[in-house]
Protein backbone atom coordinates (compact mmCIF):
# COMPACT_ATOMS: atom_id res chain seq x y z
CA UNK A 1 88.01 63.55 152.71
CA UNK A 2 85.55 61.78 154.96
CA UNK A 3 85.36 57.92 153.76
CA UNK A 4 81.79 57.18 155.29
CA UNK A 5 80.88 60.85 154.77
CA UNK A 6 77.88 62.68 156.84
CA UNK A 7 74.92 62.13 155.21
CA UNK A 8 72.27 59.70 156.75
CA UNK A 9 71.61 57.93 153.83
CA UNK A 10 73.85 54.87 152.84
CA UNK A 11 73.63 55.24 149.07
CA UNK A 12 74.36 58.98 149.23
CA UNK A 13 77.24 58.78 151.21
CA UNK A 14 78.46 55.76 149.24
CA UNK A 15 78.08 58.03 145.86
CA UNK A 16 79.87 61.23 147.78
CA UNK A 17 82.81 58.91 148.83
CA UNK A 18 83.13 57.58 145.56
CA UNK A 19 83.33 60.75 143.87
CA UNK A 20 85.87 62.17 146.39
CA UNK A 21 88.03 58.98 145.63
CA UNK A 22 87.75 59.52 141.95
CA UNK A 23 88.84 63.43 142.26
CA UNK A 24 91.59 62.42 144.75
CA UNK A 25 92.70 60.01 141.99
CA UNK A 26 92.66 62.30 138.97
CA UNK A 27 94.67 64.84 141.01
CA UNK A 28 97.16 62.55 142.12
CA UNK A 29 97.57 61.27 138.49
CA UNK A 30 98.21 64.98 137.56
CA UNK A 31 100.82 65.21 140.26
CA UNK A 32 102.50 62.10 138.76
CA UNK A 33 102.85 63.85 135.63
CA UNK A 34 104.25 67.05 137.10
CA UNK A 35 106.59 64.92 139.24
CA UNK A 36 107.72 62.87 135.99
CA UNK A 37 108.51 66.26 134.32
CA UNK A 38 110.53 67.36 137.30
CA UNK A 39 112.74 64.16 137.26
CA UNK A 40 113.50 64.43 133.54
CA UNK A 41 114.54 68.12 133.71
CA UNK A 42 116.58 67.40 136.82
CA UNK A 43 118.47 64.28 135.21
CA UNK A 44 118.67 66.18 131.47
CA UNK A 45 120.50 69.02 133.64
CA UNK A 46 122.86 66.61 135.37
CA UNK A 47 123.68 65.03 132.18
CA UNK A 48 124.42 68.26 130.57
CA UNK A 49 126.53 69.53 133.43
CA UNK A 50 128.33 65.97 133.96
CA UNK A 51 131.45 66.97 132.33
CA UNK A 52 132.26 70.40 134.43
CA UNK A 53 130.76 68.44 137.63
CA UNK A 54 133.57 65.69 137.26
CA UNK A 55 136.20 68.38 136.41
CA UNK A 56 135.29 70.78 139.28
CA UNK A 57 133.50 68.98 141.72
CA UNK A 58 134.25 65.51 141.90
CA UNK A 59 138.06 66.15 141.52
CA UNK A 60 137.97 68.52 144.76
CA UNK A 61 138.78 67.19 148.05
CA UNK A 62 136.05 65.88 150.17
CA UNK A 63 134.23 68.62 152.40
CA UNK A 64 130.89 69.71 153.49
CA UNK A 65 130.46 72.02 150.56
CA UNK A 66 131.07 69.22 148.40
CA UNK A 67 128.68 66.73 150.43
CA UNK A 68 126.13 69.68 150.31
CA UNK A 69 126.38 70.24 146.55
CA UNK A 70 126.16 66.16 145.69
CA UNK A 71 123.02 66.04 148.15
CA UNK A 72 121.47 69.16 146.43
CA UNK A 73 122.38 67.41 142.89
CA UNK A 74 121.08 63.98 143.64
CA UNK A 75 118.65 63.32 146.38
CA UNK A 76 116.22 65.60 144.61
CA UNK A 77 116.01 63.13 141.60
CA UNK A 78 116.07 60.08 143.90
CA UNK A 79 113.38 61.44 146.51
CA UNK A 80 111.13 62.49 143.42
CA UNK A 81 111.76 58.85 142.03
CA UNK A 82 110.60 57.16 145.03
CA UNK A 83 107.68 59.46 145.31
CA UNK A 84 106.69 58.64 141.71
CA UNK A 85 107.39 54.94 141.95
CA UNK A 86 105.20 54.88 145.15
CA UNK A 87 102.07 56.74 143.60
CA UNK A 88 102.08 54.42 140.60
CA UNK A 89 102.57 51.31 142.78
CA UNK A 90 99.48 49.04 142.73
CA UNK A 91 97.88 46.57 145.39
CA UNK A 92 98.50 43.50 143.45
CA UNK A 93 99.76 40.20 144.95
CA UNK A 94 103.41 39.55 145.58
CA UNK A 95 103.65 37.14 142.79
CA UNK A 96 102.86 40.15 140.42
CA UNK A 97 104.62 42.95 141.86
CA UNK A 98 108.20 42.51 141.37
CA UNK A 99 109.55 45.91 142.46
CA UNK A 100 110.49 46.50 146.10
CA UNK A 101 107.86 49.10 146.79
CA UNK A 102 105.37 46.84 145.08
CA UNK A 103 105.97 43.69 147.46
CA UNK A 104 105.89 46.17 150.53
CA UNK A 105 102.61 47.56 149.53
CA UNK A 106 101.31 43.99 148.90
CA UNK A 107 102.43 42.82 152.30
CA UNK A 108 101.46 45.67 154.36
CA UNK A 109 99.85 48.07 152.31
CA UNK A 110 98.37 50.80 154.78
CA UNK A 111 101.21 50.40 157.12
CA UNK A 112 103.65 51.09 154.43
CA UNK A 113 101.77 54.18 153.38
CA UNK A 114 101.84 55.50 156.95
CA UNK A 115 105.53 55.39 157.23
CA UNK A 116 105.87 56.70 153.69
CA UNK A 117 103.74 59.84 154.44
CA UNK A 118 105.99 60.64 157.44
CA UNK A 119 109.09 60.25 155.41
CA UNK A 120 107.44 62.49 152.45
CA UNK A 121 106.79 65.22 154.95
CA UNK A 122 110.11 64.98 156.91
CA UNK A 123 112.47 63.98 154.11
CA UNK A 124 111.21 66.28 151.44
CA UNK A 125 111.22 69.97 151.52
CA UNK A 126 112.38 70.49 154.83
CA UNK A 127 115.52 68.69 153.96
CA UNK A 128 116.17 70.46 150.75
CA UNK A 129 115.21 73.73 152.20
CA UNK A 130 117.75 73.60 154.79
CA UNK A 131 120.32 72.19 152.65
CA UNK A 132 119.95 75.03 150.18
CA UNK A 133 119.56 77.50 152.58
CA UNK A 134 123.00 76.43 154.20
CA UNK A 135 124.71 76.85 150.53
CA UNK A 136 122.90 80.21 150.19
CA UNK A 137 123.90 81.45 153.57
CA UNK A 138 127.49 80.74 152.95
CA UNK A 139 127.42 82.47 149.72
CA UNK A 140 125.61 85.68 151.32
CA UNK A 141 128.33 85.58 154.05
CA UNK A 142 130.97 85.70 151.38
CA UNK A 143 129.30 88.78 149.61
CA UNK A 144 129.36 90.64 152.68
CA UNK A 145 133.06 89.59 153.38
CA UNK A 146 132.21 87.22 156.07
CA UNK A 147 131.09 90.07 158.36
CA UNK A 148 129.91 88.81 162.06
CA UNK A 149 126.90 90.63 162.27
CA UNK A 150 125.80 89.30 158.99
CA UNK A 151 126.53 85.92 159.80
CA UNK A 152 124.41 86.37 163.20
CA UNK A 153 121.45 87.39 161.27
CA UNK A 154 121.95 84.55 158.46
CA UNK A 155 122.15 82.16 161.30
CA UNK A 156 119.15 83.52 162.90
CA UNK A 157 117.00 83.29 159.69
CA UNK A 158 118.04 79.81 159.01
CA UNK A 159 117.07 78.52 162.67
CA UNK A 160 113.72 80.45 162.65
CA UNK A 161 113.10 79.03 159.22
CA UNK A 162 113.96 75.54 159.99
CA UNK A 163 112.26 75.46 163.34
CA UNK A 164 108.87 76.63 161.90
CA UNK A 165 109.20 74.18 158.85
CA UNK A 166 110.28 71.22 161.18
CA UNK A 167 107.04 71.80 163.51
CA UNK A 168 104.63 72.24 160.57
CA UNK A 169 106.23 68.96 158.84
CA UNK A 170 105.85 66.80 162.05
CA UNK A 171 102.12 67.91 162.13
CA UNK A 172 101.52 67.64 158.45
CA UNK A 173 103.14 63.84 158.75
CA UNK A 174 100.87 62.86 161.52
CA UNK A 175 97.67 64.23 160.03
CA UNK A 176 98.58 62.27 156.70
CA UNK A 177 99.68 59.05 158.53
CA UNK A 178 96.60 58.98 160.45
CA UNK A 179 94.44 59.61 157.54
CA UNK A 180 96.26 57.30 155.08
CA UNK A 181 94.17 54.92 153.03
CA UNK A 182 94.78 52.69 149.68
CA UNK A 183 92.61 52.76 146.70
CA UNK A 184 90.34 49.82 146.41
CA UNK A 185 91.79 47.04 144.06
CA UNK A 186 89.28 47.64 141.29
CA UNK A 187 90.19 51.25 141.07
CA UNK A 188 92.59 52.22 138.20
CA UNK A 189 95.29 53.89 140.52
CA UNK A 190 97.60 52.62 143.26
CA UNK A 191 99.78 54.30 145.74
CA UNK A 192 99.24 55.90 148.87
CA UNK A 193 96.13 58.29 149.39
CA UNK A 194 95.37 60.60 152.43
CA UNK A 195 92.75 62.96 153.49
CA UNK A 196 93.12 66.39 152.29
CA UNK A 197 95.05 68.46 154.77
CA UNK A 198 94.04 71.42 156.55
CA UNK A 199 94.48 74.39 153.78
CA UNK A 200 95.60 76.59 156.37
CA UNK A 201 98.67 74.24 157.44
CA UNK A 202 99.60 73.79 154.03
CA UNK A 203 99.98 77.44 153.31
CA UNK A 204 101.44 77.98 156.57
CA UNK A 205 104.31 75.57 155.43
CA UNK A 206 105.34 77.59 152.53
CA UNK A 207 105.39 80.89 154.77
CA UNK A 208 108.56 80.33 156.61
CA UNK A 209 110.44 79.14 153.14
CA UNK A 210 109.23 82.06 151.39
CA UNK A 211 110.09 84.65 154.14
CA UNK A 212 113.66 83.00 154.13
CA UNK A 213 114.17 83.11 150.50
CA UNK A 214 112.80 86.59 150.27
CA UNK A 215 115.19 87.94 153.00
CA UNK A 216 118.15 85.94 151.01
CA UNK A 217 117.14 87.55 147.68
CA UNK A 218 117.00 91.15 149.39
CA UNK A 219 120.35 90.61 150.94
CA UNK A 220 121.72 89.54 147.52
CA UNK A 221 120.36 92.51 145.81
CA UNK A 222 121.62 94.84 148.33
CA UNK A 223 125.19 93.50 148.01
CA UNK A 224 124.86 93.76 144.41
CA UNK A 225 123.94 97.46 144.29
CA UNK A 226 126.63 98.49 146.76
CA UNK A 227 129.14 96.40 144.78
CA UNK A 228 127.89 98.43 141.63
CA UNK A 229 128.06 101.86 143.42
CA UNK A 230 131.74 101.13 144.74
CA UNK A 231 132.88 99.95 140.88
CA UNK A 232 130.95 103.35 139.74
CA UNK A 233 133.03 105.61 142.05
CA UNK A 234 136.07 104.16 141.04
CA UNK A 235 135.45 103.91 137.07
CA UNK A 236 135.44 107.05 134.82
CA UNK A 237 132.27 105.78 133.40
CA UNK A 238 128.98 107.30 134.48
CA UNK A 239 126.46 104.26 135.72
CA UNK A 240 123.31 105.30 133.76
CA UNK A 241 120.23 103.38 134.86
CA UNK A 242 118.27 104.70 131.94
CA UNK A 243 120.78 103.21 129.52
CA UNK A 244 120.81 100.15 131.59
CA UNK A 245 116.87 99.76 131.25
CA UNK A 246 116.95 100.14 127.51
CA UNK A 247 119.62 97.63 127.36
CA UNK A 248 122.19 100.03 125.81
CA UNK A 249 124.87 99.27 128.18
CA UNK A 250 126.02 96.06 130.00
CA UNK A 251 126.42 97.45 133.79
CA UNK A 252 128.57 95.91 136.61
CA UNK A 253 125.46 95.27 138.79
CA UNK A 254 123.67 93.18 136.11
CA UNK A 255 126.95 91.14 135.45
CA UNK A 256 127.19 90.69 139.43
CA UNK A 257 123.76 89.65 139.63
CA UNK A 258 124.44 86.81 137.12
CA UNK A 259 127.72 85.87 138.66
CA UNK A 260 126.70 86.16 142.22
CA UNK A 261 123.84 83.89 141.81
CA UNK A 262 120.75 86.23 141.90
CA UNK A 263 119.06 84.53 139.39
CA UNK A 264 118.86 81.36 141.59
CA UNK A 265 117.59 83.37 144.65
CA UNK A 266 114.93 84.77 142.71
CA UNK A 267 113.95 81.53 140.90
CA UNK A 268 113.59 79.86 144.38
CA UNK A 269 111.57 82.87 145.70
CA UNK A 270 109.22 83.01 142.76
CA UNK A 271 108.65 79.13 142.85
CA UNK A 272 107.68 79.41 146.36
CA UNK A 273 105.32 82.38 145.86
CA UNK A 274 103.60 80.49 143.37
CA UNK A 275 103.39 77.58 145.44
CA UNK A 276 101.11 79.60 148.03
CA UNK A 277 99.03 80.99 145.35
CA UNK A 278 98.16 77.41 144.46
CA UNK A 279 97.49 76.84 147.85
CA UNK A 280 95.34 79.79 148.40
CA UNK A 281 93.39 79.01 144.78
CA UNK A 282 93.09 75.27 144.83
CA UNK A 283 91.76 72.55 147.15
CA UNK A 284 92.29 68.85 147.41
CA UNK A 285 95.32 66.68 146.82
CA UNK A 286 95.99 69.06 144.22
CA UNK A 287 97.71 71.22 146.94
CA UNK A 288 100.59 68.93 147.08
CA UNK A 289 101.51 69.96 143.04
CA UNK A 290 103.84 72.55 143.72
CA UNK A 291 106.18 70.01 145.88
CA UNK A 292 107.80 68.21 142.98
CA UNK A 293 108.58 71.35 140.71
CA UNK A 294 109.71 73.22 144.01
CA UNK A 295 112.04 70.15 145.09
CA UNK A 296 113.59 70.34 141.46
CA UNK A 297 114.06 74.30 141.54
CA UNK A 298 115.87 73.69 144.81
CA UNK A 299 117.98 70.93 143.48
CA UNK A 300 118.72 72.72 140.19
CA UNK A 301 119.22 76.27 141.80
CA UNK A 302 121.66 75.02 144.68
CA UNK A 303 123.71 72.85 142.35
CA UNK A 304 124.09 75.25 139.73
CA UNK A 305 125.21 78.14 142.09
CA UNK A 306 127.93 75.87 143.39
CA UNK A 307 129.05 74.34 140.13
CA UNK A 308 129.23 78.09 138.91
CA UNK A 309 131.04 79.32 141.49
CA UNK A 310 133.60 76.45 141.78
CA UNK A 311 134.13 76.63 137.82
CA UNK A 312 135.10 80.43 138.67
CA UNK A 313 137.38 79.77 141.23
CA UNK A 314 139.07 77.09 139.63
CA UNK A 315 139.74 79.01 136.56
CA UNK A 316 141.24 81.43 138.70
CA UNK A 317 143.47 79.20 140.68
CA UNK A 318 143.74 75.73 139.84
CA UNK A 319 144.15 75.00 143.41
CA UNK A 320 141.20 76.95 144.65
CA UNK A 321 139.64 75.92 148.10
CA UNK A 322 136.20 75.56 149.12
CA UNK A 323 136.27 78.94 150.92
CA UNK A 324 137.83 80.56 147.67
CA UNK A 325 134.72 79.09 145.78
CA UNK A 326 132.00 80.77 148.25
CA UNK A 327 134.07 83.95 148.19
CA UNK A 328 134.28 84.36 144.41
CA UNK A 329 132.57 87.59 143.54
CA UNK A 330 133.08 90.65 140.95
CA UNK A 331 135.38 93.54 141.62
CA UNK A 332 136.38 95.50 138.91
CA UNK A 333 134.58 96.38 135.53
CA UNK A 334 134.91 98.81 132.66
CA UNK A 335 131.89 99.38 130.87
CA UNK A 336 131.26 101.52 127.68
CA UNK A 337 129.05 104.55 128.75
CA UNK A 338 126.36 105.19 126.29
CA UNK A 339 127.90 108.74 125.68
CA UNK A 340 131.17 107.35 124.88
CA UNK A 341 132.53 107.07 121.29
CA UNK A 342 134.48 103.93 122.40
CA UNK A 343 133.52 100.32 121.62
CA UNK A 344 135.35 98.60 123.75
CA UNK A 345 134.50 95.11 125.39
CA UNK A 346 133.39 94.71 129.01
CA UNK A 347 136.70 93.62 131.13
CA UNK A 348 135.75 91.38 134.39
CA UNK A 349 137.80 90.85 137.30
CA UNK A 350 137.17 88.16 139.82
CA UNK A 351 138.46 87.92 143.27
């Protein structure tokens, strides 16, 4: 958005600038609502899983996997909380503002906003995607029995995705910082605003994440298919895809997908795909709308995946290590065939 406009008529330029400003404020308010909902969901899930977290995570010894879990679990809510606090902050005087961000805005509002946009670009999605992708890489590597060629492939995907996202995040931070401004005091909105980013740059920011998530999801699906075929060959029951689709049996593949965390891989991939669609279809500050729910999805998926695996590992072995946690996978099933007259329950064994 250009603050002075290109029109030669000062009145027309002022009217156009005011209209763009009000649009930006309205879109930012919508983003604030979405951010608040994302925070509430994350906090609700934290409270919901607190008992298991204390038992299976906090009781474990400190290690990088434990640190990554705690980071994925709590940094998301903290980051979104700071983002919301800045967006709803006002440019009142120091005597009126009491919170830290309001004092900073009152003292040096524009300088604060420029620094904040750098932090938002480099401390947001790129941090979450990197940490969660490391968790996913550890999980996928374990699914492929820690094969070296798979590790090389996963590290290559991770490195390329991080390099591309880092470059784009730095560029976005520079552009946002240079175009940062604050609403006039008489406007019913505070916080930090910036000129609309180049749509192509915004879209490009999502592409590396989407490609990496899609590849990780595909590798997980392939691992599940291979495991299901191996189980079917060692079982007397026949694998019937049609019966599976009709919901007549619970096949090893579907259970493996749940236990192996495919649901979280799919959740991240779908969220990134929706972010790309929003960027293509919408214009203005509303393009930032996918960021809060996407951070929430990353935080939820990464932490839930680790917690579920840790729970399964500790239930098998009370002294299970973090390596054991990421190596948990379905190994053997006995499933009733649709043509069988038996009505036995599904038996599941974990390794």
